[in-house]
């Protein structure tokens, strides 16, 4: 039995990933592939960090900045589904 999704099932996402280069969870190789996030069934475009096993995403809180000029974030709990956008289009 052949499966057309062999490429996507063999690709593993890290349990935790961040877009901040200063974070220990930053992975440039994976982020260069255009990662998308579905959170509670809806696609989110403002995700700064996620954790699959703990079930949360960290999203930006509008235009607010902290004292270092970084965007303020809010941690929201729920089911997290990362995927590669280039695979979803084909």
Protein backbone atom coordinates (compact mmCIF):
# COMPACT_ATOMS: atom_id res chain seq x y z
CA UNK A 1 0.00 0.00 0.00
CA UNK A 2 1.59 3.30 -1.06
CA UNK A 3 1.00 6.59 0.68
CA UNK A 4 1.40 9.97 -1.05
CA UNK A 5 2.33 11.68 2.24
CA UNK A 6 5.58 9.74 2.85
CA UNK A 7 7.62 12.97 2.81
CA UNK A 8 5.47 14.72 5.43
CA UNK A 9 5.24 11.73 7.77
CA UNK A 10 9.03 11.24 7.75
CA UNK A 11 9.68 14.88 8.63
CA UNK A 12 9.76 15.53 12.34
CA UNK A 13 9.08 18.88 13.94
CA UNK A 14 10.89 19.68 17.17
CA UNK A 15 8.70 19.57 20.27
CA UNK A 16 9.47 23.24 20.84
CA UNK A 17 10.43 25.88 18.26
CA UNK A 18 11.00 29.65 18.46
CA UNK A 19 11.51 32.32 15.80
CA UNK A 20 13.76 34.37 18.14
CA UNK A 21 17.45 33.81 17.21
CA UNK A 22 18.43 34.39 20.88
CA UNK A 23 16.27 31.47 22.05
CA UNK A 24 17.77 28.01 22.67
CA UNK A 25 14.77 26.61 20.73
CA UNK A 26 15.61 28.52 17.53
CA UNK A 27 16.27 26.27 14.50
CA UNK A 28 17.11 28.14 11.29
CA UNK A 29 17.06 25.02 9.10
CA UNK A 30 13.43 24.22 9.96
CA UNK A 31 12.25 27.85 9.91
CA UNK A 32 13.70 28.33 6.40
CA UNK A 33 11.12 25.78 5.16
CA UNK A 34 8.18 28.11 5.99
CA UNK A 35 6.52 26.51 9.01
CA UNK A 36 2.80 27.10 9.54
CA UNK A 37 0.94 26.62 12.81
CA UNK A 38 -2.64 25.47 13.32
CA UNK A 39 -3.82 26.28 16.83
CA UNK A 40 -7.23 24.98 17.90
CA UNK A 41 -7.94 24.23 14.23
CA UNK A 42 -7.24 27.78 12.97
CA UNK A 43 -4.10 28.94 11.20
CA UNK A 44 -2.10 31.47 13.22
CA UNK A 45 0.38 33.88 11.63
CA UNK A 46 1.58 35.69 14.78
CA UNK A 47 3.16 32.74 16.64
CA UNK A 48 6.55 33.50 18.21
CA UNK A 49 7.09 30.08 19.85
CA UNK A 50 5.24 26.78 20.31
CA UNK A 51 5.46 23.59 22.37
CA UNK A 52 3.60 20.52 21.11
CA UNK A 53 3.91 18.30 24.22
CA UNK A 54 2.74 21.01 26.64
CA UNK A 55 0.07 22.28 24.20
CA UNK A 56 0.73 26.02 23.99
CA UNK A 57 1.74 28.80 21.63
CA UNK A 58 3.23 32.19 22.43
CA UNK A 59 1.62 34.91 20.26
CA UNK A 60 2.36 38.61 19.94
CA UNK A 61 0.14 40.99 21.90
CA UNK A 62 -0.59 43.69 19.35
CA UNK A 63 2.07 46.37 18.87
CA UNK A 64 3.16 46.48 22.52
CA UNK A 65 6.90 46.25 23.24
CA UNK A 66 8.87 45.35 26.35
CA UNK A 67 11.62 47.57 27.76
CA UNK A 68 14.16 45.99 25.37
CA UNK A 69 12.07 46.70 22.27
CA UNK A 70 10.91 43.09 21.82
CA UNK A 71 7.21 42.38 21.14
CA UNK A 72 5.16 41.41 24.18
CA UNK A 73 3.79 37.89 23.97
CA UNK A 74 0.96 35.91 25.55
CA UNK A 75 1.03 32.16 26.16
CA UNK A 76 -2.21 30.48 25.05
CA UNK A 77 -3.00 26.81 25.76
CA UNK A 78 -4.59 24.37 23.30
CA UNK A 79 -3.75 21.80 20.60
CA UNK A 80 -0.79 22.78 18.37
CA UNK A 81 -0.27 21.40 14.85
CA UNK A 82 2.86 22.56 12.98
CA UNK A 83 3.14 21.91 9.23
CA UNK A 84 5.24 22.96 6.25
CA UNK A 85 3.34 25.44 4.07
CA UNK A 86 5.13 24.34 0.90
CA UNK A 87 3.71 20.79 1.34
CA UNK A 88 0.18 22.12 1.97
CA UNK A 89 0.11 23.99 -1.34
CA UNK A 90 1.07 20.98 -3.47
